[in-house]
């Protein structure tokens, strides 16, 4: 606690305001205090932290590495304090939940059921790639995340929402559409409708590595980044009979124009996780 002596809530609020505004002048205007007073408070905070928090330039201020670390921690602390105060009043907590692309309604309902099991929440959904979700959870910019594993789980508490085998998805006119299952050999020469690997790098590399083990190193065809747009997904498959996708069966169960074919042996799997920052009010809701 000695590290926190002399640091008050207003210091963190002032610091965050300057970081957001980019200048002391603008931050002081927003805070309704004088510029000299705000400058004094920021310098006092830097002395207490024993590190410069801002690069001061002729047209503005930007965070140093130390400043960014403090801002991330302050955001987490302020978010947790706000949640605790709301919880103490017995009111429904607002909660930000990240959602990766291509989720089914069943998965969303399962996640909502888990996080609201013990108390009501006002959930706000945000479309965020799996990789970015993990980072935003750790710095307090999301309260929950629904993401594809594997991800770096450092600082996160996770629950498995779904763990399903992937199968080949093709249009009804595709040469493989009349099969009851498909072998790895039959996939040779097929192009794979894929997504930018940066969206879920752990999942992408795991699946592609397993395909290579089975002798299939497909040429990938970029798909719609936002695969929640099922219309664009099906359009890509119906417009080319040399392209397949890999999805769980539930992803296309209600689309009569598409066929889902199980892989005959050792299919890759899609593992969806519900995550929250460890040691927070949010992770306790996942316990």
C-alpha atoms as a PDB file:
ATOM      1  CA  UNK A   1       0.000   0.000   0.000  1.00  0.00           C
ATOM      2  CA  UNK A   2       2.988   2.364   0.451  1.00  0.00           C
ATOM      3  CA  UNK A   3       3.162   2.745  -3.332  1.00  0.00           C
ATOM      4  CA  UNK A   4      -0.353   4.216  -3.261  1.00  0.00           C
ATOM      5  CA  UNK A   5       0.133   6.684  -0.428  1.00  0.00           C
ATOM      6  CA  UNK A   6      -0.498  10.214  -1.642  1.00  0.00           C
ATOM      7  CA  UNK A   7      -2.297   9.068  -4.802  1.00  0.00           C
ATOM      8  CA  UNK A   8      -5.978   9.956  -4.810  1.00  0.00           C
ATOM      9  CA  UNK A   9      -8.834   9.100  -7.131  1.00  0.00           C
ATOM     10  CA  UNK A  10      -8.746  12.620  -8.608  1.00  0.00           C
ATOM     11  CA  UNK A  11      -5.093  12.166  -9.629  1.00  0.00           C
ATOM     12  CA  UNK A  12      -6.018   9.169 -11.768  1.00  0.00           C
ATOM     13  CA  UNK A  13      -9.036  10.988 -13.185  1.00  0.00           C
ATOM     14  CA  UNK A  14      -6.898  14.008 -14.088  1.00  0.00           C
ATOM     15  CA  UNK A  15      -4.200  11.803 -15.603  1.00  0.00           C
ATOM     16  CA  UNK A  16      -6.724   9.882 -17.729  1.00  0.00           C
ATOM     17  CA  UNK A  17      -8.266  13.162 -18.907  1.00  0.00           C
ATOM     18  CA  UNK A  18      -4.914  14.496 -20.134  1.00  0.00           C
ATOM     19  CA  UNK A  19      -4.152  11.181 -21.856  1.00  0.00           C
ATOM     20  CA  UNK A  20      -7.501  11.330 -23.661  1.00  0.00           C
ATOM     21  CA  UNK A  21      -7.381  15.053 -24.537  1.00  0.00           C
ATOM     22  CA  UNK A  22      -3.737  15.132 -25.621  1.00  0.00           C
ATOM     23  CA  UNK A  23      -3.115  18.551 -24.046  1.00  0.00           C
ATOM     24  CA  UNK A  24      -3.316  19.957 -20.539  1.00  0.00           C
ATOM     25  CA  UNK A  25      -5.266  22.956 -21.862  1.00  0.00           C
ATOM     26  CA  UNK A  26      -8.064  20.841 -23.329  1.00  0.00           C
ATOM     27  CA  UNK A  27      -8.125  18.453 -20.349  1.00  0.00           C
ATOM     28  CA  UNK A  28      -8.394  21.403 -17.935  1.00  0.00           C
ATOM     29  CA  UNK A  29     -11.315  22.782 -19.950  1.00  0.00           C
ATOM     30  CA  UNK A  30     -13.127  19.438 -19.780  1.00  0.00           C
ATOM     31  CA  UNK A  31     -12.441  19.081 -16.056  1.00  0.00           C
ATOM     32  CA  UNK A  32     -13.416  22.688 -15.278  1.00  0.00           C
ATOM     33  CA  UNK A  33     -10.158  23.414 -13.447  1.00  0.00           C
ATOM     34  CA  UNK A  34      -7.281  25.790 -14.246  1.00  0.00           C
ATOM     35  CA  UNK A  35      -4.425  24.701 -16.478  1.00  0.00           C
ATOM     36  CA  UNK A  36      -1.673  25.514 -13.902  1.00  0.00           C
ATOM     37  CA  UNK A  37      -3.482  23.477 -11.261  1.00  0.00           C
ATOM     38  CA  UNK A  38      -3.816  20.488 -13.588  1.00  0.00           C
ATOM     39  CA  UNK A  39      -0.158  20.717 -14.652  1.00  0.00           C
ATOM     40  CA  UNK A  40       0.818  20.697 -10.973  1.00  0.00           C
ATOM     41  CA  UNK A  41      -1.255  17.595 -10.300  1.00  0.00           C
ATOM     42  CA  UNK A  42       0.309  15.727 -13.245  1.00  0.00           C
ATOM     43  CA  UNK A  43       3.848  16.641 -12.170  1.00  0.00           C
ATOM     44  CA  UNK A  44       3.063  15.522  -8.605  1.00  0.00           C
ATOM     45  CA  UNK A  45       1.796  12.188  -9.932  1.00  0.00           C
ATOM     46  CA  UNK A  46       4.963  11.732 -12.002  1.00  0.00           C
ATOM     47  CA  UNK A  47       7.070  12.368  -8.903  1.00  0.00           C
ATOM     48  CA  UNK A  48       5.055   9.806  -6.972  1.00  0.00           C
ATOM     49  CA  UNK A  49       5.385   7.220  -9.757  1.00  0.00           C
ATOM     50  CA  UNK A  50       9.063   8.181 -10.208  1.00  0.00           C
ATOM     51  CA  UNK A  51       8.776   8.119 -13.995  1.00  0.00           C
ATOM     52  CA  UNK A  52       7.685  10.536 -16.738  1.00  0.00           C
ATOM     53  CA  UNK A  53       4.154   9.732 -17.852  1.00  0.00           C
ATOM     54  CA  UNK A  54       3.994  11.937 -20.965  1.00  0.00           C
ATOM     55  CA  UNK A  55       6.181  12.967 -23.869  1.00  0.00           C
ATOM     56  CA  UNK A  56       5.674  16.730 -24.046  1.00  0.00           C
ATOM     57  CA  UNK A  57       5.821  18.110 -27.578  1.00  0.00           C
ATOM     58  CA  UNK A  58       5.153  21.514 -29.117  1.00  0.00           C
ATOM     59  CA  UNK A  59       1.596  20.577 -30.129  1.00  0.00           C
ATOM     60  CA  UNK A  60       0.538  18.068 -27.498  1.00  0.00           C
ATOM     61  CA  UNK A  61       1.332  15.263 -25.095  1.00  0.00           C
ATOM     62  CA  UNK A  62       1.572  11.534 -25.695  1.00  0.00           C
ATOM     63  CA  UNK A  63       1.970   8.704 -23.218  1.00  0.00           C
ATOM     64  CA  UNK A  64       5.339   7.198 -22.394  1.00  0.00           C
ATOM     65  CA  UNK A  65       5.581   3.436 -21.840  1.00  0.00           C
ATOM     66  CA  UNK A  66       5.232   4.100 -18.103  1.00  0.00           C
ATOM     67  CA  UNK A  67       2.228   6.322 -18.774  1.00  0.00           C
ATOM     68  CA  UNK A  68       0.528   3.655 -20.891  1.00  0.00           C
ATOM     69  CA  UNK A  69       1.090   1.046 -18.174  1.00  0.00           C
ATOM     70  CA  UNK A  70      -0.403   3.369 -15.559  1.00  0.00           C
ATOM     71  CA  UNK A  71      -3.366   4.241 -17.799  1.00  0.00           C
ATOM     72  CA  UNK A  72      -4.138   0.564 -18.404  1.00  0.00           C
ATOM     73  CA  UNK A  73      -4.021  -0.130 -14.676  1.00  0.00           C
ATOM     74  CA  UNK A  74      -6.079   2.949 -13.855  1.00  0.00           C
ATOM     75  CA  UNK A  75      -8.755   1.946 -16.382  1.00  0.00           C
ATOM     76  CA  UNK A  76      -8.966  -1.508 -14.816  1.00  0.00           C
ATOM     77  CA  UNK A  77      -9.145  -0.087 -11.298  1.00  0.00           C
ATOM     78  CA  UNK A  78     -11.742   2.555 -12.153  1.00  0.00           C
ATOM     79  CA  UNK A  79     -13.856   0.023 -14.031  1.00  0.00           C
ATOM     80  CA  UNK A  80     -13.723  -2.386 -11.106  1.00  0.00           C
ATOM     81  CA  UNK A  81     -14.616   0.392  -8.655  1.00  0.00           C
ATOM     82  CA  UNK A  82     -17.582   1.458 -10.781  1.00  0.00           C
ATOM     83  CA  UNK A  83     -18.785  -2.160 -10.994  1.00  0.00           C
ATOM     84  CA  UNK A  84     -18.402  -2.654  -7.240  1.00  0.00           C
ATOM     85  CA  UNK A  85     -20.375   0.511  -6.445  1.00  0.00           C
ATOM     86  CA  UNK A  86     -23.150  -0.475  -8.831  1.00  0.00           C
ATOM     87  CA  UNK A  87     -23.199  -3.969  -7.334  1.00  0.00           C
ATOM     88  CA  UNK A  88     -23.377  -2.549  -3.812  1.00  0.00           C
ATOM     89  CA  UNK A  89     -26.477  -0.577  -4.798  1.00  0.00           C
ATOM     90  CA  UNK A  90     -28.071  -3.785  -6.039  1.00  0.00           C
ATOM     91  CA  UNK A  91     -28.533  -2.361  -9.537  1.00  0.00           C
ATOM     92  CA  UNK A  92     -27.977  -4.269 -12.766  1.00  0.00           C
ATOM     93  CA  UNK A  93     -24.357  -3.929 -13.830  1.00  0.00           C
ATOM     94  CA  UNK A  94     -23.504  -2.708 -17.337  1.00  0.00           C
ATOM     95  CA  UNK A  95     -21.031  -5.136 -18.905  1.00  0.00           C
ATOM     96  CA  UNK A  96     -19.113  -4.961 -22.200  1.00  0.00           C
ATOM     97  CA  UNK A  97     -18.789  -8.302 -23.949  1.00  0.00           C
ATOM     98  CA  UNK A  98     -16.578  -8.864 -26.990  1.00  0.00           C
ATOM     99  CA  UNK A  99     -17.893 -11.164 -29.710  1.00  0.00           C
ATOM    100  CA  UNK A 100     -15.698 -12.792 -32.358  1.00  0.00           C
ATOM    101  CA  UNK A 101     -17.106 -13.333 -35.834  1.00  0.00           C
ATOM    102  CA  UNK A 102     -19.291 -16.246 -36.913  1.00  0.00           C
ATOM    103  CA  UNK A 103     -20.979 -17.110 -33.607  1.00  0.00           C
ATOM    104  CA  UNK A 104     -24.288 -18.933 -33.501  1.00  0.00           C
ATOM    105  CA  UNK A 105     -27.293 -17.733 -31.521  1.00  0.00           C
ATOM    106  CA  UNK A 106     -26.902 -20.814 -29.297  1.00  0.00           C
ATOM    107  CA  UNK A 107     -23.381 -19.809 -28.261  1.00  0.00           C
ATOM    108  CA  UNK A 108     -24.455 -16.240 -27.512  1.00  0.00           C
ATOM    109  CA  UNK A 109     -27.361 -17.528 -25.429  1.00  0.00           C
ATOM    110  CA  UNK A 110     -25.057 -19.891 -23.516  1.00  0.00           C
ATOM    111  CA  UNK A 111     -22.649 -17.034 -22.735  1.00  0.00           C
ATOM    112  CA  UNK A 112     -25.451 -14.753 -21.608  1.00  0.00           C
ATOM    113  CA  UNK A 113     -26.861 -17.495 -19.393  1.00  0.00           C
ATOM    114  CA  UNK A 114     -23.498 -17.998 -17.683  1.00  0.00           C
ATOM    115  CA  UNK A 115     -22.717 -14.365 -16.944  1.00  0.00           C
ATOM    116  CA  UNK A 116     -26.245 -13.468 -15.786  1.00  0.00           C
ATOM    117  CA  UNK A 117     -26.756 -16.633 -13.749  1.00  0.00           C
ATOM    118  CA  UNK A 118     -26.117 -14.983 -10.365  1.00  0.00           C
ATOM    119  CA  UNK A 119     -27.146 -11.370 -11.009  1.00  0.00           C
ATOM    120  CA  UNK A 120     -28.714  -9.233 -13.746  1.00  0.00           C
ATOM    121  CA  UNK A 121     -26.412  -7.508 -16.216  1.00  0.00           C
ATOM    122  CA  UNK A 122     -26.983  -4.994 -18.993  1.00  0.00           C
ATOM    123  CA  UNK A 123     -24.850  -6.545 -21.747  1.00  0.00           C
ATOM    124  CA  UNK A 124     -23.406  -4.432 -24.523  1.00  0.00           C
ATOM    125  CA  UNK A 125     -22.005  -6.504 -27.395  1.00  0.00           C
ATOM    126  CA  UNK A 126     -18.913  -5.390 -29.348  1.00  0.00           C
ATOM    127  CA  UNK A 127     -17.585  -7.127 -32.494  1.00  0.00           C
ATOM    128  CA  UNK A 128     -13.874  -7.689 -31.754  1.00  0.00           C
ATOM    129  CA  UNK A 129     -11.370 -10.224 -33.163  1.00  0.00           C
ATOM    130  CA  UNK A 130     -10.261 -12.978 -30.770  1.00  0.00           C
ATOM    131  CA  UNK A 131      -6.663 -11.742 -30.547  1.00  0.00           C
ATOM    132  CA  UNK A 132      -7.721  -8.171 -29.792  1.00  0.00           C
ATOM    133  CA  UNK A 133     -10.271  -9.333 -27.234  1.00  0.00           C
ATOM    134  CA  UNK A 134      -7.605 -10.920 -25.037  1.00  0.00           C
ATOM    135  CA  UNK A 135      -5.617  -7.671 -24.982  1.00  0.00           C
ATOM    136  CA  UNK A 136      -8.681  -5.522 -24.293  1.00  0.00           C
ATOM    137  CA  UNK A 137      -9.781  -7.795 -21.454  1.00  0.00           C
ATOM    138  CA  UNK A 138      -6.384  -7.518 -19.782  1.00  0.00           C
ATOM    139  CA  UNK A 139      -6.407  -3.695 -19.854  1.00  0.00           C
ATOM    140  CA  UNK A 140     -10.037  -3.342 -18.780  1.00  0.00           C
ATOM    141  CA  UNK A 141     -11.609  -2.259 -22.068  1.00  0.00           C
ATOM    142  CA  UNK A 142     -13.855  -5.339 -22.136  1.00  0.00           C
ATOM    143  CA  UNK A 143     -15.478  -7.129 -19.203  1.00  0.00           C
ATOM    144  CA  UNK A 144     -16.153 -10.442 -20.983  1.00  0.00           C
ATOM    145  CA  UNK A 145     -15.068 -11.918 -24.294  1.00  0.00           C
ATOM    146  CA  UNK A 146     -16.340 -14.737 -26.492  1.00  0.00           C
ATOM    147  CA  UNK A 147     -13.336 -15.849 -28.519  1.00  0.00           C
ATOM    148  CA  UNK A 148     -11.787 -18.751 -30.390  1.00  0.00           C
ATOM    149  CA  UNK A 149      -9.024 -20.659 -28.681  1.00  0.00           C
ATOM    150  CA  UNK A 150      -6.249 -21.176 -28.293  1.00  0.00           C
ATOM    151  CA  UNK A 151      -5.300 -17.729 -26.992  1.00  0.00           C
ATOM    152  CA  UNK A 152      -2.783 -16.497 -24.466  1.00  0.00           C
ATOM    153  CA  UNK A 153      -4.799 -16.898 -21.251  1.00  0.00           C
ATOM    154  CA  UNK A 154      -2.372 -14.940 -19.058  1.00  0.00           C
ATOM    155  CA  UNK A 155      -4.453 -12.745 -16.745  1.00  0.00           C
ATOM    156  CA  UNK A 156      -7.718 -14.296 -17.938  1.00  0.00           C
ATOM    157  CA  UNK A 157     -10.271 -16.661 -16.431  1.00  0.00           C
ATOM    158  CA  UNK A 158     -11.967 -18.804 -19.097  1.00  0.00           C
ATOM    159  CA  UNK A 159     -14.867 -21.219 -19.478  1.00  0.00           C
ATOM    160  CA  UNK A 160     -15.441 -23.464 -22.508  1.00  0.00           C
ATOM    161  CA  UNK A 161     -18.676 -22.545 -24.292  1.00  0.00           C
ATOM    162  CA  UNK A 162     -18.444 -24.982 -27.195  1.00  0.00           C
ATOM    163  CA  UNK A 163     -15.999 -27.577 -28.504  1.00  0.00           C
ATOM    164  CA  UNK A 164     -17.146 -28.904 -31.872  1.00  0.00           C
ATOM    165  CA  UNK A 165     -15.583 -30.786 -34.813  1.00  0.00           C
ATOM    166  CA  UNK A 166     -15.144 -28.886 -38.049  1.00  0.00           C
ATOM    167  CA  UNK A 167     -16.509 -30.289 -41.274  1.00  0.00           C
ATOM    168  CA  UNK A 168     -16.390 -29.300 -44.937  1.00  0.00           C
ATOM    169  CA  UNK A 169     -19.069 -26.805 -46.011  1.00  0.00           C
ATOM    170  CA  UNK A 170     -19.901 -26.735 -49.738  1.00  0.00           C
ATOM    171  CA  UNK A 171     -22.644 -25.453 -51.986  1.00  0.00           C
ATOM    172  CA  UNK A 172     -25.298 -27.897 -53.205  1.00  0.00           C
ATOM    173  CA  UNK A 173     -23.759 -27.872 -56.710  1.00  0.00           C
ATOM    174  CA  UNK A 174     -20.270 -28.760 -55.468  1.00  0.00           C
ATOM    175  CA  UNK A 175     -18.912 -32.133 -56.719  1.00  0.00           C
ATOM    176  CA  UNK A 176     -18.568 -33.350 -53.113  1.00  0.00           C
ATOM    177  CA  UNK A 177     -22.069 -32.336 -52.070  1.00  0.00           C
ATOM    178  CA  UNK A 178     -23.579 -35.810 -52.511  1.00  0.00           C
ATOM    179  CA  UNK A 179     -21.112 -37.508 -50.135  1.00  0.00           C
ATOM    180  CA  UNK A 180     -22.089 -38.556 -46.624  1.00  0.00           C
ATOM    181  CA  UNK A 181     -18.562 -37.716 -45.432  1.00  0.00           C
ATOM    182  CA  UNK A 182     -15.335 -36.569 -47.021  1.00  0.00           C
ATOM    183  CA  UNK A 183     -11.804 -37.945 -46.770  1.00  0.00           C
ATOM    184  CA  UNK A 184      -8.657 -35.890 -46.550  1.00  0.00           C
ATOM    185  CA  UNK A 185      -7.610 -37.192 -49.978  1.00  0.00           C
ATOM    186  CA  UNK A 186     -10.828 -35.883 -51.525  1.00  0.00           C
ATOM    187  CA  UNK A 187      -9.970 -32.381 -50.309  1.00  0.00           C
ATOM    188  CA  UNK A 188      -6.737 -32.298 -52.289  1.00  0.00           C
ATOM    189  CA  UNK A 189      -6.915 -29.488 -54.845  1.00  0.00           C
ATOM    190  CA  UNK A 190      -9.778 -27.716 -53.091  1.00  0.00           C
ATOM    191  CA  UNK A 191      -9.296 -24.088 -52.079  1.00  0.00           C
ATOM    192  CA  UNK A 192     -10.171 -23.104 -48.540  1.00  0.00           C
ATOM    193  CA  UNK A 193     -12.410 -20.107 -47.827  1.00  0.00           C
ATOM    194  CA  UNK A 194     -10.476 -18.615 -44.913  1.00  0.00           C
ATOM    195  CA  UNK A 195     -10.309 -15.454 -42.857  1.00  0.00           C
ATOM    196  CA  UNK A 196      -7.449 -13.060 -42.029  1.00  0.00           C
ATOM    197  CA  UNK A 197      -5.241 -15.004 -39.608  1.00  0.00           C
ATOM    198  CA  UNK A 198      -4.766 -11.897 -37.469  1.00  0.00           C
ATOM    199  CA  UNK A 199      -8.432 -12.204 -36.481  1.00  0.00           C
ATOM    200  CA  UNK A 200      -7.758 -15.421 -34.523  1.00  0.00           C
ATOM    201  CA  UNK A 201      -4.096 -16.274 -34.992  1.00  0.00           C
ATOM    202  CA  UNK A 202      -3.979 -19.138 -32.470  1.00  0.00           C
ATOM    203  CA  UNK A 203      -7.023 -20.848 -33.959  1.00  0.00           C
ATOM    204  CA  UNK A 204      -5.883 -20.297 -37.547  1.00  0.00           C
ATOM    205  CA  UNK A 205      -2.386 -21.680 -37.019  1.00  0.00           C
ATOM    206  CA  UNK A 206      -3.688 -24.688 -35.078  1.00  0.00           C
ATOM    207  CA  UNK A 207      -6.212 -25.647 -37.766  1.00  0.00           C
ATOM    208  CA  UNK A 208      -3.828 -25.117 -40.693  1.00  0.00           C
ATOM    209  CA  UNK A 209      -1.127 -27.162 -38.932  1.00  0.00           C
ATOM    210  CA  UNK A 210      -3.560 -30.048 -38.474  1.00  0.00           C
ATOM    211  CA  UNK A 211      -4.552 -29.898 -42.148  1.00  0.00           C
ATOM    212  CA  UNK A 212      -0.860 -30.144 -43.088  1.00  0.00           C
ATOM    213  CA  UNK A 213      -0.445 -33.231 -40.875  1.00  0.00           C
ATOM    214  CA  UNK A 214      -3.121 -34.899 -43.022  1.00  0.00           C
ATOM    215  CA  UNK A 215      -1.366 -33.891 -46.250  1.00  0.00           C
ATOM    216  CA  UNK A 216      -3.635 -31.009 -47.197  1.00  0.00           C
ATOM    217  CA  UNK A 217      -1.990 -27.603 -47.539  1.00  0.00           C
ATOM    218  CA  UNK A 218      -4.767 -25.709 -49.296  1.00  0.00           C
ATOM    219  CA  UNK A 219      -4.513 -22.483 -51.186  1.00  0.00           C
ATOM    220  CA  UNK A 220      -6.638 -20.125 -49.125  1.00  0.00           C
ATOM    221  CA  UNK A 221      -9.219 -17.741 -50.529  1.00  0.00           C
ATOM    222  CA  UNK A 222      -9.870 -14.636 -48.442  1.00  0.00           C
ATOM    223  CA  UNK A 223     -13.400 -14.561 -47.159  1.00  0.00           C
ATOM    224  CA  UNK A 224     -15.456 -11.802 -45.650  1.00  0.00           C
ATOM    225  CA  UNK A 225     -13.646 -10.585 -42.526  1.00  0.00           C
ATOM    226  CA  UNK A 226     -16.934 -10.272 -40.698  1.00  0.00           C
ATOM    227  CA  UNK A 227     -18.184 -13.842 -41.051  1.00  0.00           C
ATOM    228  CA  UNK A 228     -21.248 -12.928 -39.031  1.00  0.00           C
ATOM    229  CA  UNK A 229     -22.491 -11.891 -42.479  1.00  0.00           C
ATOM    230  CA  UNK A 230     -23.812 -15.283 -43.520  1.00  0.00           C
ATOM    231  CA  UNK A 231     -25.042 -13.860 -46.828  1.00  0.00           C
ATOM    232  CA  UNK A 232     -21.505 -13.069 -47.996  1.00  0.00           C
ATOM    233  CA  UNK A 233     -20.213 -16.386 -46.663  1.00  0.00           C
ATOM    234  CA  UNK A 234     -22.746 -18.440 -48.631  1.00  0.00           C
ATOM    235  CA  UNK A 235     -22.277 -16.223 -51.724  1.00  0.00           C
ATOM    236  CA  UNK A 236     -18.564 -17.117 -51.805  1.00  0.00           C
ATOM    237  CA  UNK A 237     -19.336 -20.844 -51.607  1.00  0.00           C
ATOM    238  CA  UNK A 238     -22.232 -20.902 -54.061  1.00  0.00           C
ATOM    239  CA  UNK A 239     -20.294 -18.908 -56.648  1.00  0.00           C
ATOM    240  CA  UNK A 240     -17.342 -21.344 -56.957  1.00  0.00           C
ATOM    241  CA  UNK A 241     -17.430 -25.158 -56.923  1.00  0.00           C
ATOM    242  CA  UNK A 242     -13.715 -25.460 -56.167  1.00  0.00           C
ATOM    243  CA  UNK A 243     -13.979 -23.711 -52.794  1.00  0.00           C
ATOM    244  CA  UNK A 244     -14.914 -25.201 -49.439  1.00  0.00           C
ATOM    245  CA  UNK A 245     -15.075 -23.813 -45.908  1.00  0.00           C
ATOM    246  CA  UNK A 246     -14.450 -25.488 -42.552  1.00  0.00           C
ATOM    247  CA  UNK A 247     -17.188 -24.902 -39.979  1.00  0.00           C
ATOM    248  CA  UNK A 248     -19.056 -26.716 -37.201  1.00  0.00           C
ATOM    249  CA  UNK A 249     -22.324 -28.296 -38.354  1.00  0.00           C
ATOM    250  CA  UNK A 250     -24.421 -25.775 -36.408  1.00  0.00           C
ATOM    251  CA  UNK A 251     -23.022 -22.913 -38.484  1.00  0.00           C
ATOM    252  CA  UNK A 252     -24.955 -23.977 -41.596  1.00  0.00           C
ATOM    253  CA  UNK A 253     -27.695 -26.192 -40.180  1.00  0.00           C
ATOM    254  CA  UNK A 254     -30.496 -23.845 -41.271  1.00  0.00           C
ATOM    255  CA  UNK A 255     -29.233 -23.100 -44.779  1.00  0.00           C
ATOM    256  CA  UNK A 256     -30.689 -25.461 -47.439  1.00  0.00           C
ATOM    257  CA  UNK A 257     -28.279 -24.143 -50.085  1.00  0.00           C
ATOM    258  CA  UNK A 258     -25.220 -25.441 -48.208  1.00  0.00           C
ATOM    259  CA  UNK A 259     -24.112 -28.951 -47.264  1.00  0.00           C
ATOM    260  CA  UNK A 260     -22.050 -29.869 -44.205  1.00  0.00           C
ATOM    261  CA  UNK A 261     -19.840 -32.947 -44.611  1.00  0.00           C
ATOM    262  CA  UNK A 262     -18.089 -34.599 -41.647  1.00  0.00           C
ATOM    263  CA  UNK A 263     -14.419 -35.389 -42.131  1.00  0.00           C
ATOM    264  CA  UNK A 264     -13.818 -39.127 -42.112  1.00  0.00           C
ATOM    265  CA  UNK A 265     -11.009 -39.031 -39.530  1.00  0.00           C
ATOM    266  CA  UNK A 266      -9.426 -36.745 -36.920  1.00  0.00           C
ATOM    267  CA  UNK A 267     -11.266 -33.484 -37.716  1.00  0.00           C
ATOM    268  CA  UNK A 268      -9.941 -30.146 -36.415  1.00  0.00           C
ATOM    269  CA  UNK A 269     -12.102 -28.615 -33.713  1.00  0.00           C
ATOM    270  CA  UNK A 270     -13.460 -25.167 -32.955  1.00  0.00           C
ATOM    271  CA  UNK A 271     -13.152 -24.303 -29.269  1.00  0.00           C
ATOM    272  CA  UNK A 272     -15.049 -21.221 -28.143  1.00  0.00           C
ATOM    273  CA  UNK A 273     -14.185 -19.653 -24.803  1.00  0.00           C
ATOM    274  CA  UNK A 274     -15.925 -17.211 -22.507  1.00  0.00           C
ATOM    275  CA  UNK A 275     -13.218 -15.104 -20.834  1.00  0.00           C
ATOM    276  CA  UNK A 276     -12.995 -12.407 -18.164  1.00  0.00           C
ATOM    277  CA  UNK A 277     -10.067 -10.595 -16.519  1.00  0.00           C
ATOM    278  CA  UNK A 278      -8.789 -12.658 -13.574  1.00  0.00           C
ATOM    279  CA  UNK A 279      -9.460 -11.478  -9.993  1.00  0.00           C
ATOM    280  CA  UNK A 280     -12.289  -9.101 -10.947  1.00  0.00           C
ATOM    281  CA  UNK A 281     -15.999  -9.012 -10.278  1.00  0.00           C
ATOM    282  CA  UNK A 282     -16.426 -10.355 -13.820  1.00  0.00           C
ATOM    283  CA  UNK A 283     -14.265 -13.451 -13.346  1.00  0.00           C
ATOM    284  CA  UNK A 284     -16.137 -14.251 -10.142  1.00  0.00           C
ATOM    285  CA  UNK A 285     -19.333 -14.493 -12.200  1.00  0.00           C
ATOM    286  CA  UNK A 286     -17.667 -17.322 -14.189  1.00  0.00           C
ATOM    287  CA  UNK A 287     -16.681 -19.311 -11.080  1.00  0.00           C
END
